[in-house]
C-alpha atoms as a PDB file:
ATOM      1  CA  MET A   1      36.118  -5.079   6.268  1.00  0.00           C
ATOM      2  CA  SER A   2      35.507  -7.762   3.738  1.00  0.00           C
ATOM      3  CA  ALA A   3      38.214  -9.808   2.157  1.00  0.00           C
ATOM      4  CA  ASP A   4      35.462 -11.387   0.038  1.00  0.00           C
ATOM      5  CA  PRO A   5      36.793 -12.367  -3.413  1.00  0.00           C
ATOM      6  CA  LEU A   6      33.634 -10.822  -4.928  1.00  0.00           C
ATOM      7  CA  HIS A   7      34.856  -7.445  -3.706  1.00  0.00           C
ATOM      8  CA  ARG A   8      38.124  -7.986  -5.456  1.00  0.00           C
ATOM      9  CA  ALA A   9      36.684  -9.102  -8.758  1.00  0.00           C
ATOM     10  CA  GLY A  10      35.536  -6.896 -11.647  1.00  0.00           C
ATOM     11  CA  ALA A  11      36.906  -3.758 -13.240  1.00  0.00           C
ATOM     12  CA  SER A  12      39.130  -1.916 -10.881  1.00  0.00           C
ATOM     13  CA  GLN A  13      41.878   0.644 -10.959  1.00  0.00           C
ATOM     14  CA  ARG A  14      44.805   0.197  -8.579  1.00  0.00           C
ATOM     15  CA  THR A  15      46.511   3.112  -6.993  1.00  0.00           C
ATOM     16  CA  PRO A  16      49.622   2.449  -4.819  1.00  0.00           C
ATOM     17  CA  THR A  17      49.741   4.908  -1.982  1.00  0.00           C
ATOM     18  CA  ASN A  18      52.399   5.508   0.666  1.00  0.00           C
ATOM     19  CA  PRO A  19      51.584   5.243   4.332  1.00  0.00           C
ATOM     20  CA  PRO A  20      50.210   8.465   5.846  1.00  0.00           C
ATOM     21  CA  PRO A  21      52.866  10.768   7.322  1.00  0.00           C
ATOM     22  CA  ASP A  22      51.471  10.384  10.900  1.00  0.00           C
ATOM     23  CA  GLY A  23      52.796   6.795  10.927  1.00  0.00           C
ATOM     24  CA  SER A  24      49.317   5.223  11.304  1.00  0.00           C
ATOM     25  CA  ALA A  25      50.228   2.351   9.020  1.00  0.00           C
ATOM     26  CA  THR A  26      53.299   0.196   8.837  1.00  0.00           C
ATOM     27  CA  SER A  27      52.780  -1.193   5.355  1.00  0.00           C
ATOM     28  CA  ALA A  28      52.210   0.051   1.844  1.00  0.00           C
ATOM     29  CA  ILE A  29      48.581   1.025   0.963  1.00  0.00           C
ATOM     30  CA  GLU A  30      46.988   0.127  -2.336  1.00  0.00           C
ATOM     31  CA  VAL A  31      43.706   1.703  -3.259  1.00  0.00           C
ATOM     32  CA  ARG A  32      41.536  -0.221  -5.683  1.00  0.00           C
ATOM     33  CA  ARG A  33      38.698   1.639  -7.380  1.00  0.00           C
ATOM     34  CA  SER A  34      35.888  -0.404  -8.779  1.00  0.00           C
ATOM     35  CA  THR A  35      33.041   0.555 -11.106  1.00  0.00           C
ATOM     36  CA  ARG A  36      30.931  -2.231  -9.609  1.00  0.00           C
ATOM     37  CA  ARG A  37      31.147  -0.829  -6.137  1.00  0.00           C
ATOM     38  CA  ARG A  38      28.549   1.936  -5.496  1.00  0.00           C
ATOM     39  CA  ARG A  39      28.728   3.013  -1.833  1.00  0.00           C
ATOM     40  CA  THR A  40      30.662   0.524   0.242  1.00  0.00           C
ATOM     41  CA  VAL A  41      34.268   0.792   1.215  1.00  0.00           C
ATOM     42  CA  SER A  42      36.277  -2.104   2.694  1.00  0.00           C
ATOM     43  CA  ALA A  43      39.853  -2.915   3.560  1.00  0.00           C
ATOM     44  CA  TYR A  44      42.052  -5.888   4.344  1.00  0.00           C
ATOM     45  CA  ARG A  45      45.680  -6.844   4.823  1.00  0.00           C
ATOM     46  CA  GLU A  46      47.335  -8.677   1.895  1.00  0.00           C
ATOM     47  CA  GLY A  47      50.853  -9.717   2.822  1.00  0.00           C
ATOM     48  CA  ASP A  48      52.819  -6.555   3.658  1.00  0.00           C
ATOM     49  CA  ARG A  49      50.311  -4.199   2.168  1.00  0.00           C
ATOM     50  CA  THR A  50      46.842  -2.831   3.049  1.00  0.00           C
ATOM     51  CA  VAL A  51      44.305  -2.857   0.243  1.00  0.00           C
ATOM     52  CA  VAL A  52      41.401  -0.370   0.392  1.00  0.00           C
ATOM     53  CA  LEU A  53      38.478  -0.950  -1.902  1.00  0.00           C
ATOM     54  CA  ILE A  54      36.401   2.121  -2.896  1.00  0.00           C
ATOM     55  CA  PRO A  55      33.881   3.143  -5.600  1.00  0.00           C
ATOM     56  CA  ALA A  56      35.490   4.455  -8.786  1.00  0.00           C
ATOM     57  CA  ARG A  57      33.492   7.743  -8.573  1.00  0.00           C
ATOM     58  CA  MET A  58      35.004   8.914  -5.276  1.00  0.00           C
ATOM     59  CA  SER A  59      37.036  12.157  -5.278  1.00  0.00           C
ATOM     60  CA  GLU A  60      40.656  12.149  -4.114  1.00  0.00           C
ATOM     61  CA  ALA A  61      39.619  13.971  -0.937  1.00  0.00           C
ATOM     62  CA  GLU A  62      37.075  11.284  -0.177  1.00  0.00           C
ATOM     63  CA  GLU A  63      39.649   8.614  -0.961  1.00  0.00           C
ATOM     64  CA  ARG A  64      42.108  10.115   1.548  1.00  0.00           C
ATOM     65  CA  ARG A  65      39.337  10.309   4.233  1.00  0.00           C
ATOM     66  CA  TRP A  66      38.193   6.770   3.654  1.00  0.00           C
ATOM     67  CA  VAL A  67      41.747   5.381   3.607  1.00  0.00           C
ATOM     68  CA  SER A  68      42.355   7.015   7.014  1.00  0.00           C
ATOM     69  CA  VAL A  69      39.028   5.728   8.416  1.00  0.00           C
ATOM     70  CA  MET A  70      39.716   2.154   7.182  1.00  0.00           C
ATOM     71  CA  LEU A  71      43.294   2.136   8.526  1.00  0.00           C
ATOM     72  CA  ASP A  72      41.967   3.082  11.962  1.00  0.00           C
ATOM     73  CA  LYS A  73      39.235   0.354  11.791  1.00  0.00           C
ATOM     74  CA  LEU A  74      41.828  -2.284  10.826  1.00  0.00           C
ATOM     75  CA  ALA A  75      44.203  -1.126  13.609  1.00  0.00           C
ATOM     76  CA  ALA A  76      41.368  -1.356  16.115  1.00  0.00           C
ATOM     77  CA  GLN A  77      40.429  -4.869  14.980  1.00  0.00           C
ATOM     78  CA  GLU A  78      43.989  -6.045  15.070  1.00  0.00           C
ATOM     79  CA  SER A  79      44.661  -4.549  18.554  1.00  0.00           C
ATOM     80  CA  LYS A  80      41.834  -6.688  19.938  1.00  0.00           C
ATOM     81  CA  ARG A  81      43.277  -9.870  18.491  1.00  0.00           C
ATOM     82  CA  VAL A  82      45.630 -11.671  20.918  1.00  0.00           C
ATOM     83  CA  LEU A  83      48.685 -13.159  19.352  1.00  0.00           C
ATOM     84  CA  GLY A  84      49.637 -16.663  20.500  1.00  0.00           C
ATOM     85  CA  ASP A  85      53.230 -17.580  21.303  1.00  0.00           C
ATOM     86  CA  THR A  86      53.806 -19.013  17.784  1.00  0.00           C
ATOM     87  CA  GLU A  87      52.580 -15.809  16.177  1.00  0.00           C
ATOM     88  CA  LEU A  88      54.661 -13.819  18.640  1.00  0.00           C
ATOM     89  CA  ALA A  89      57.790 -15.679  17.675  1.00  0.00           C
ATOM     90  CA  GLU A  90      57.033 -15.172  13.937  1.00  0.00           C
ATOM     91  CA  ARG A  91      56.503 -11.478  14.555  1.00  0.00           C
ATOM     92  CA  ALA A  92      59.858 -11.223  16.339  1.00  0.00           C
ATOM     93  CA  GLU A  93      61.572 -13.003  13.457  1.00  0.00           C
ATOM     94  CA  ARG A  94      59.925 -10.559  10.953  1.00  0.00           C
ATOM     95  CA  LEU A  95      60.869  -7.519  13.055  1.00  0.00           C
ATOM     96  CA  SER A  96      64.462  -8.715  13.460  1.00  0.00           C
ATOM     97  CA  GLY A  97      64.757  -9.045   9.649  1.00  0.00           C
ATOM     98  CA  GLN A  98      63.165  -5.659   9.057  1.00  0.00           C
ATOM     99  CA  TYR A  99      65.086  -3.584  11.554  1.00  0.00           C
ATOM    100  CA  PHE A 100      68.159  -5.607  12.642  1.00  0.00           C
ATOM    101  CA  GLU A 101      69.029  -7.428   9.365  1.00  0.00           C
ATOM    102  CA  GLY A 102      68.033 -10.638  10.950  1.00  0.00           C
ATOM    103  CA  ARG A 103      70.904 -10.574  13.438  1.00  0.00           C
ATOM    104  CA  ALA A 104      68.704 -10.963  16.552  1.00  0.00           C
ATOM    105  CA  ARG A 105      67.691 -14.605  16.668  1.00  0.00           C
ATOM    106  CA  PRO A 106      65.719 -15.565  19.783  1.00  0.00           C
ATOM    107  CA  ALA A 107      65.503 -19.209  20.791  1.00  0.00           C
ATOM    108  CA  SER A 108      62.072 -18.580  22.323  1.00  0.00           C
ATOM    109  CA  VAL A 109      59.482 -15.799  22.458  1.00  0.00           C
ATOM    110  CA  ARG A 110      56.445 -16.193  24.722  1.00  0.00           C
ATOM    111  CA  TRP A 111      53.807 -14.443  26.814  1.00  0.00           C
ATOM    112  CA  VAL A 112      54.136 -14.734  30.567  1.00  0.00           C
ATOM    113  CA  THR A 113      51.778 -13.800  33.473  1.00  0.00           C
ATOM    114  CA  ASN A 114      54.433 -13.255  36.148  1.00  0.00           C
ATOM    115  CA  GLN A 115      55.790  -9.897  34.905  1.00  0.00           C
ATOM    116  CA  ASN A 116      53.685  -7.195  36.529  1.00  0.00           C
ATOM    117  CA  THR A 117      56.404  -4.487  36.799  1.00  0.00           C
ATOM    118  CA  ARG A 118      58.119  -4.994  33.434  1.00  0.00           C
ATOM    119  CA  TRP A 119      56.727  -5.007  29.909  1.00  0.00           C
ATOM    120  CA  GLY A 120      59.242  -7.580  28.714  1.00  0.00           C
ATOM    121  CA  SER A 121      62.486  -9.307  29.626  1.00  0.00           C
ATOM    122  CA  CYS A 122      65.347 -11.009  27.721  1.00  0.00           C
ATOM    123  CA  THR A 123      67.959 -13.542  28.787  1.00  0.00           C
ATOM    124  CA  PRO A 124      70.631 -13.116  26.122  1.00  0.00           C
ATOM    125  CA  SER A 125      72.611 -16.162  27.266  1.00  0.00           C
ATOM    126  CA  GLU A 126      69.523 -18.338  26.571  1.00  0.00           C
ATOM    127  CA  GLY A 127      68.141 -16.332  23.738  1.00  0.00           C
ATOM    128  CA  SER A 128      64.801 -16.198  25.450  1.00  0.00           C
ATOM    129  CA  ILE A 129      62.350 -13.295  25.350  1.00  0.00           C
ATOM    130  CA  ARG A 130      59.279 -12.943  27.501  1.00  0.00           C
ATOM    131  CA  LEU A 131      56.507 -10.319  27.137  1.00  0.00           C
ATOM    132  CA  SER A 132      54.077  -9.460  29.891  1.00  0.00           C
ATOM    133  CA  HIS A 133      50.480 -10.512  29.314  1.00  0.00           C
ATOM    134  CA  ARG A 134      49.498  -6.904  30.120  1.00  0.00           C
ATOM    135  CA  LEU A 135      50.555  -5.958  26.574  1.00  0.00           C
ATOM    136  CA  GLN A 136      47.860  -8.168  25.103  1.00  0.00           C
ATOM    137  CA  GLY A 137      45.205  -5.947  23.491  1.00  0.00           C
ATOM    138  CA  MET A 138      47.475  -2.970  23.217  1.00  0.00           C
ATOM    139  CA  PRO A 139      48.117  -1.501  19.762  1.00  0.00           C
ATOM    140  CA  GLU A 140      50.369  -3.568  17.588  1.00  0.00           C
ATOM    141  CA  TYR A 141      52.970  -0.814  17.218  1.00  0.00           C
ATOM    142  CA  VAL A 142      53.416  -0.970  21.101  1.00  0.00           C
ATOM    143  CA  VAL A 143      53.892  -4.721  21.112  1.00  0.00           C
ATOM    144  CA  ASP A 144      56.261  -4.384  18.205  1.00  0.00           C
ATOM    145  CA  TYR A 145      58.291  -1.791  20.102  1.00  0.00           C
ATOM    146  CA  VAL A 146      58.629  -4.038  23.177  1.00  0.00           C
ATOM    147  CA  LEU A 147      59.633  -7.037  21.016  1.00  0.00           C
ATOM    148  CA  LEU A 148      62.251  -4.847  19.281  1.00  0.00           C
ATOM    149  CA  HIS A 149      63.483  -3.658  22.642  1.00  0.00           C
ATOM    150  CA  GLU A 150      64.000  -7.250  23.794  1.00  0.00           C
ATOM    151  CA  LEU A 151      65.464  -8.280  20.428  1.00  0.00           C
ATOM    152  CA  ALA A 152      67.966  -5.471  20.719  1.00  0.00           C
ATOM    153  CA  HIS A 153      69.098  -6.943  24.069  1.00  0.00           C
ATOM    154  CA  LEU A 154      70.141 -10.066  22.145  1.00  0.00           C
ATOM    155  CA  LEU A 155      72.665  -7.825  20.305  1.00  0.00           C
ATOM    156  CA  VAL A 156      73.489  -5.306  23.068  1.00  0.00           C
ATOM    157  CA  PRO A 157      72.825  -6.533  26.619  1.00  0.00           C
ATOM    158  CA  GLY A 158      72.674  -3.102  28.365  1.00  0.00           C
ATOM    159  CA  HIS A 159      70.890   0.228  27.850  1.00  0.00           C
ATOM    160  CA  GLY A 160      73.827   2.235  26.563  1.00  0.00           C
ATOM    161  CA  PRO A 161      74.125   4.426  23.457  1.00  0.00           C
ATOM    162  CA  ARG A 162      74.648   1.422  21.094  1.00  0.00           C
ATOM    163  CA  PHE A 163      71.422  -0.096  22.351  1.00  0.00           C
ATOM    164  CA  TRP A 164      69.343   3.063  21.801  1.00  0.00           C
ATOM    165  CA  ARG A 165      70.878   3.561  18.330  1.00  0.00           C
ATOM    166  CA  LEU A 166      69.455   0.141  17.364  1.00  0.00           C
ATOM    167  CA  LEU A 167      65.994   1.191  18.373  1.00  0.00           C
ATOM    168  CA  GLU A 168      66.192   4.428  16.404  1.00  0.00           C
ATOM    169  CA  ALA A 169      65.518   2.390  13.334  1.00  0.00           C
ATOM    170  CA  TYR A 170      61.903   1.785  14.497  1.00  0.00           C
ATOM    171  CA  PRO A 171      59.952   4.935  13.490  1.00  0.00           C
ATOM    172  CA  ARG A 172      57.348   4.509  16.297  1.00  0.00           C
ATOM    173  CA  THR A 173      59.707   4.181  19.225  1.00  0.00           C
ATOM    174  CA  GLU A 174      58.866   7.510  20.854  1.00  0.00           C
ATOM    175  CA  ARG A 175      55.121   7.033  20.234  1.00  0.00           C
ATOM    176  CA  ALA A 176      55.189   3.528  21.790  1.00  0.00           C
ATOM    177  CA  ARG A 177      57.195   4.650  24.751  1.00  0.00           C
ATOM    178  CA  GLY A 178      54.784   7.534  25.349  1.00  0.00           C
ATOM    179  CA  TYR A 179      51.887   5.074  25.218  1.00  0.00           C
ATOM    180  CA  LEU A 180      53.507   2.775  27.807  1.00  0.00           C
ATOM    181  CA  GLU A 181      54.370   5.789  30.029  1.00  0.00           C
ATOM    182  CA  GLY A 182      50.706   6.850  29.878  1.00  0.00           C
ATOM    183  CA  VAL A 183      49.557   3.358  30.932  1.00  0.00           C
ATOM    184  CA  VAL A 184      51.993   3.432  33.906  1.00  0.00           C
ATOM    185  CA  ALA A 185      50.823   6.937  34.871  1.00  0.00           C
ATOM    186  CA  ALA A 186      47.176   5.991  34.636  1.00  0.00           C
ATOM    187  CA  ASP A 187      47.799   3.005  36.923  1.00  0.00           C
ATOM    188  CA  ARG A 188      49.199   5.385  39.543  1.00  0.00           C
ATOM    189  CA  LEU A 189      46.192   7.752  39.525  1.00  0.00           C
ATOM    190  CA  PRO A 190      44.090   7.609  42.688  1.00  0.00           C
ATOM    191  CA  HIS A 191      40.754   5.824  42.355  1.00  0.00           C
ATOM    192  CA  VAL A 192      37.887   8.121  43.206  1.00  0.00           C
ATOM    193  CA  PRO A 193      35.802   6.558  46.029  1.00  0.00           C
ATOM    194  CA  GLY A 194      32.312   5.641  44.895  1.00  0.00           C
ATOM    195  CA  ALA A 195      33.167   5.841  41.151  1.00  0.00           C
ATOM    196  CA  ARG A 196      31.749   3.040  39.115  1.00  0.00           C
ATOM    197  CA  ASN A 197      33.177   1.453  36.015  1.00  0.00           C
ATOM    198  CA  GLU A 198      30.612   1.374  33.273  1.00  0.00           C
END
């Protein structure tokens, strides 16, 4: 996954591509074909877009396959990266702008280690949002959903119809909720005696 300037130099053709229909990407995708590139494929984030670098000779079918592979690799890398409180606050600001027209303005956004039964919490009167440390390492779309959920509480305190209408704007709401429900269900599974974690 090189963002090496050498991989960006030289003759290339740029092809803007829309995100795949399965919602595996949250940004625009740009495919850059290069005559200098023979076999390698790489990808990196550039602002709000994902750039995939491929050899010019690849067929469209190979291009689609490699775009999917590289999006999965980037997502895996990013899910392992833990955001700090500053990055979390910046992410909340970006999400508020993208989904709530910037109307949700938290005074603070931070990770906490004392929330073991909730994924996040919000105190609207203080404008504070806290996310459970258990979310660290989960896919970004899950963290984004929990952030959006708490941001929505700055606009609508309860869980009534107005609240859920706000979250309908986020296209991965159901997927993220399903992921979190799966984590909760897995925690409730009985542990088999004598089983070893490897």
